Amino acid sequence: MTCKFNYRGISLKNKTYSDLEQLSTKIEPGEKLSQARTVDVMVKKFKSLLIKENIEVTNEKINHKKEFSKR
């Protein structure tokens, strides 16, 4: 039996849901992912992108860690 504490639900606008449906066929060529798996993959990829850009993600906001040189 699935543990109910490992999952949560989200609400999406109809347009966002439609976009998610389309993206679910594009992420893995030749395979249609579930909406939950599509969101999971997209979040992991986006978080990886932020880490590469040296941007810290917190619950409150996104903090840019890049230092700007003074002129």
N, C-alpha and C. Protein backbone atom coordinates (compact mmCIF):
# COMPACT_ATOMS: atom_id res chain seq x y z
N MET A 1 0.83 -1.18 0.00
CA MET A 1 0.00 0.00 0.00
C MET A 1 0.88 1.25 0.00
N THR A 2 0.50 2.27 -0.73
CA THR A 2 1.25 3.50 -0.84
C THR A 2 1.13 4.32 0.44
N CYS A 3 2.26 4.84 0.89
CA CYS A 3 2.27 5.67 2.10
C CYS A 3 1.74 7.06 1.75
N LYS A 4 0.68 7.49 2.41
CA LYS A 4 0.05 8.77 2.09
C LYS A 4 0.91 9.96 2.48
N PHE A 5 1.97 9.74 3.26
CA PHE A 5 2.83 10.84 3.69
C PHE A 5 3.94 11.14 2.69
N ASN A 6 4.08 10.33 1.64
CA ASN A 6 5.11 10.54 0.64
C ASN A 6 4.65 11.39 -0.54
N TYR A 7 3.37 11.73 -0.60
CA TYR A 7 2.84 12.43 -1.76
C TYR A 7 1.95 13.59 -1.33
N ARG A 8 1.85 14.59 -2.20
CA ARG A 8 0.95 15.72 -1.98
C ARG A 8 0.31 16.08 -3.30
N GLY A 9 -0.82 16.77 -3.23
CA GLY A 9 -1.52 17.19 -4.44
C GLY A 9 -1.31 18.67 -4.71
N ILE A 10 -1.47 19.05 -5.96
CA ILE A 10 -1.41 20.46 -6.35
C ILE A 10 -2.59 20.77 -7.27
N SER A 11 -2.96 22.03 -7.34
CA SER A 11 -4.00 22.47 -8.26
C SER A 11 -3.35 23.27 -9.37
N LEU A 12 -3.81 23.05 -10.58
CA LEU A 12 -3.26 23.74 -11.74
C LEU A 12 -4.38 24.42 -12.52
N LYS A 13 -4.04 25.53 -13.15
CA LYS A 13 -4.98 26.16 -14.06
C LYS A 13 -5.18 25.23 -15.25
N ASN A 14 -6.31 25.33 -15.91
CA ASN A 14 -6.60 24.46 -17.06
C ASN A 14 -5.54 24.56 -18.14
N LYS A 15 -5.08 25.77 -18.44
CA LYS A 15 -4.05 25.99 -19.46
C LYS A 15 -2.75 25.32 -19.05
N THR A 16 -2.37 25.45 -17.79
CA THR A 16 -1.15 24.82 -17.29
C THR A 16 -1.26 23.31 -17.38
N TYR A 17 -2.43 22.77 -17.06
CA TYR A 17 -2.65 21.33 -17.15
C TYR A 17 -2.52 20.85 -18.60
N SER A 18 -3.06 21.62 -19.53
CA SER A 18 -2.95 21.27 -20.95
C SER A 18 -1.49 21.31 -21.40
N ASP A 19 -0.77 22.32 -20.96
CA ASP A 19 0.66 22.40 -21.28
C ASP A 19 1.42 21.22 -20.70
N LEU A 20 1.06 20.82 -19.50
CA LEU A 20 1.69 19.68 -18.84
C LEU A 20 1.43 18.40 -19.64
N GLU A 21 0.21 18.25 -20.13
CA GLU A 21 -0.14 17.10 -20.98
C GLU A 21 0.77 17.05 -22.21
N GLN A 22 0.98 18.20 -22.85
CA GLN A 22 1.83 18.25 -24.04
C GLN A 22 3.27 17.95 -23.69
N LEU A 23 3.76 18.52 -22.60
CA LEU A 23 5.14 18.29 -22.20
C LEU A 23 5.40 16.84 -21.81
N SER A 24 4.38 16.16 -21.32
CA SER A 24 4.55 14.77 -20.87
C SER A 24 4.95 13.84 -22.01
N THR A 25 4.69 14.25 -23.25
CA THR A 25 5.09 13.44 -24.40
C THR A 25 6.42 13.89 -24.99
N LYS A 26 6.92 15.04 -24.57
CA LYS A 26 8.15 15.60 -25.15
C LYS A 26 9.39 15.29 -24.33
N ILE A 27 9.25 15.06 -23.03
CA ILE A 27 10.41 14.89 -22.15
C ILE A 27 11.17 13.61 -22.46
N GLU A 28 10.47 12.50 -22.59
CA GLU A 28 11.07 11.22 -22.95
C GLU A 28 10.54 10.83 -24.32
N PRO A 29 11.33 11.00 -25.37
CA PRO A 29 10.85 10.68 -26.72
C PRO A 29 10.33 9.24 -26.81
N GLY A 30 9.15 9.11 -27.39
CA GLY A 30 8.54 7.79 -27.57
C GLY A 30 7.82 7.26 -26.35
N GLU A 31 7.78 8.05 -25.28
CA GLU A 31 7.13 7.61 -24.05
C GLU A 31 6.31 8.75 -23.47
N LYS A 32 5.10 8.46 -23.01
CA LYS A 32 4.27 9.48 -22.37
C LYS A 32 4.36 9.30 -20.87
N LEU A 33 4.83 10.32 -20.19
CA LEU A 33 4.94 10.28 -18.74
C LEU A 33 3.62 10.70 -18.09
N SER A 34 3.40 10.26 -16.88
CA SER A 34 2.25 10.73 -16.12
C SER A 34 2.48 12.20 -15.78
N GLN A 35 1.41 12.90 -15.42
CA GLN A 35 1.56 14.31 -15.04
C GLN A 35 2.47 14.42 -13.81
N ALA A 36 2.31 13.53 -12.86
CA ALA A 36 3.13 13.57 -11.65
C ALA A 36 4.61 13.36 -11.99
N ARG A 37 4.89 12.41 -12.85
CA ARG A 37 6.28 12.14 -13.24
C ARG A 37 6.84 13.30 -14.06
N THR A 38 6.01 13.91 -14.90
CA THR A 38 6.44 15.06 -15.70
C THR A 38 6.84 16.21 -14.79
N VAL A 39 6.03 16.51 -13.79
CA VAL A 39 6.35 17.58 -12.84
C VAL A 39 7.62 17.23 -12.09
N ASP A 40 7.77 16.00 -11.67
CA ASP A 40 8.95 15.55 -10.94
C ASP A 40 10.21 15.78 -11.75
N VAL A 41 10.20 15.36 -13.01
CA VAL A 41 11.36 15.51 -13.90
C VAL A 41 11.66 17.00 -14.13
N MET A 42 10.63 17.79 -14.38
CA MET A 42 10.83 19.21 -14.65
C MET A 42 11.41 19.95 -13.44
N VAL A 43 10.92 19.63 -12.26
CA VAL A 43 11.43 20.28 -11.05
C VAL A 43 12.89 19.92 -10.82
N LYS A 44 13.23 18.65 -11.00
CA LYS A 44 14.63 18.23 -10.82
C LYS A 44 15.54 18.92 -11.82
N LYS A 45 15.09 19.03 -13.09
CA LYS A 45 15.91 19.69 -14.11
C LYS A 45 16.05 21.18 -13.83
N PHE A 46 14.97 21.82 -13.40
CA PHE A 46 15.02 23.25 -13.11
C PHE A 46 15.91 23.52 -11.90
N LYS A 47 15.81 22.69 -10.89
CA LYS A 47 16.66 22.85 -9.71
C LYS A 47 18.12 22.67 -10.07
N SER A 48 18.41 21.70 -10.93
CA SER A 48 19.78 21.47 -11.39
C SER A 48 20.29 22.69 -12.16
N LEU A 49 19.43 23.28 -12.97
CA LEU A 49 19.80 24.48 -13.72
C LEU A 49 20.12 25.63 -12.77
N LEU A 50 19.33 25.81 -11.73
CA LEU A 50 19.57 26.87 -10.76
C LEU A 50 20.89 26.65 -10.03
N ILE A 51 21.18 25.39 -9.71
CA ILE A 51 22.45 25.09 -9.03
C ILE A 51 23.62 25.42 -9.95
N LYS A 52 23.51 25.09 -11.23
CA LYS A 52 24.57 25.41 -12.19
C LYS A 52 24.77 26.92 -12.30
N GLU A 53 23.70 27.68 -12.18
CA GLU A 53 23.77 29.13 -12.26
C GLU A 53 24.13 29.75 -10.91
N ASN A 54 24.38 28.90 -9.92
CA ASN A 54 24.78 29.34 -8.58
C ASN A 54 23.70 30.20 -7.93
N ILE A 55 22.47 29.74 -8.03
CA ILE A 55 21.33 30.43 -7.42
C ILE A 55 20.78 29.54 -6.33
N GLU A 56 20.66 30.08 -5.12
CA GLU A 56 20.16 29.32 -3.97
C GLU A 56 18.64 29.36 -3.93
N VAL A 57 18.04 28.20 -3.74
CA VAL A 57 16.58 28.12 -3.65
C VAL A 57 16.20 27.90 -2.19
N THR A 58 15.35 28.78 -1.67
CA THR A 58 14.83 28.62 -0.32
C THR A 58 13.32 28.61 -0.39
N ASN A 59 12.67 28.36 0.73
CA ASN A 59 11.22 28.37 0.76
C ASN A 59 10.66 29.77 0.55
N GLU A 60 11.41 30.80 0.89
CA GLU A 60 10.91 32.16 0.84
C GLU A 60 11.15 32.84 -0.50
N LYS A 61 12.32 32.64 -1.07
CA LYS A 61 12.64 33.33 -2.33
C LYS A 61 13.86 32.69 -2.96
N ILE A 62 14.21 33.17 -4.13
CA ILE A 62 15.42 32.72 -4.82
C ILE A 62 16.49 33.77 -4.58
N ASN A 63 17.60 33.34 -4.00
CA ASN A 63 18.70 34.26 -3.69
C ASN A 63 19.81 34.07 -4.71
N HIS A 64 20.17 35.12 -5.37
CA HIS A 64 21.26 35.07 -6.33
C HIS A 64 22.56 35.15 -5.56
N LYS A 65 23.41 34.16 -5.76
CA LYS A 65 24.68 34.12 -5.05
C LYS A 65 25.82 34.76 -5.85
N LYS A 66 25.55 35.07 -7.11
CA LYS A 66 26.61 35.64 -7.93
C LYS A 66 27.07 36.96 -7.34
N GLU A 67 28.37 37.13 -7.32
CA GLU A 67 28.91 38.38 -6.80
C GLU A 67 29.16 39.32 -7.98
N PHE A 68 28.81 40.56 -7.78
CA PHE A 68 29.00 41.55 -8.81
C PHE A 68 30.27 42.33 -8.50
N SER A 69 31.10 42.51 -9.51
CA SER A 69 32.34 43.25 -9.28
C SER A 69 32.05 44.74 -9.23
N LYS A 70 32.76 45.42 -8.35
CA LYS A 70 32.61 46.87 -8.24
C LYS A 70 33.49 47.54 -9.28
N ARG A 71 32.97 48.58 -9.88
CA ARG A 71 33.75 49.28 -10.92
C ARG A 71 34.35 50.52 -10.37
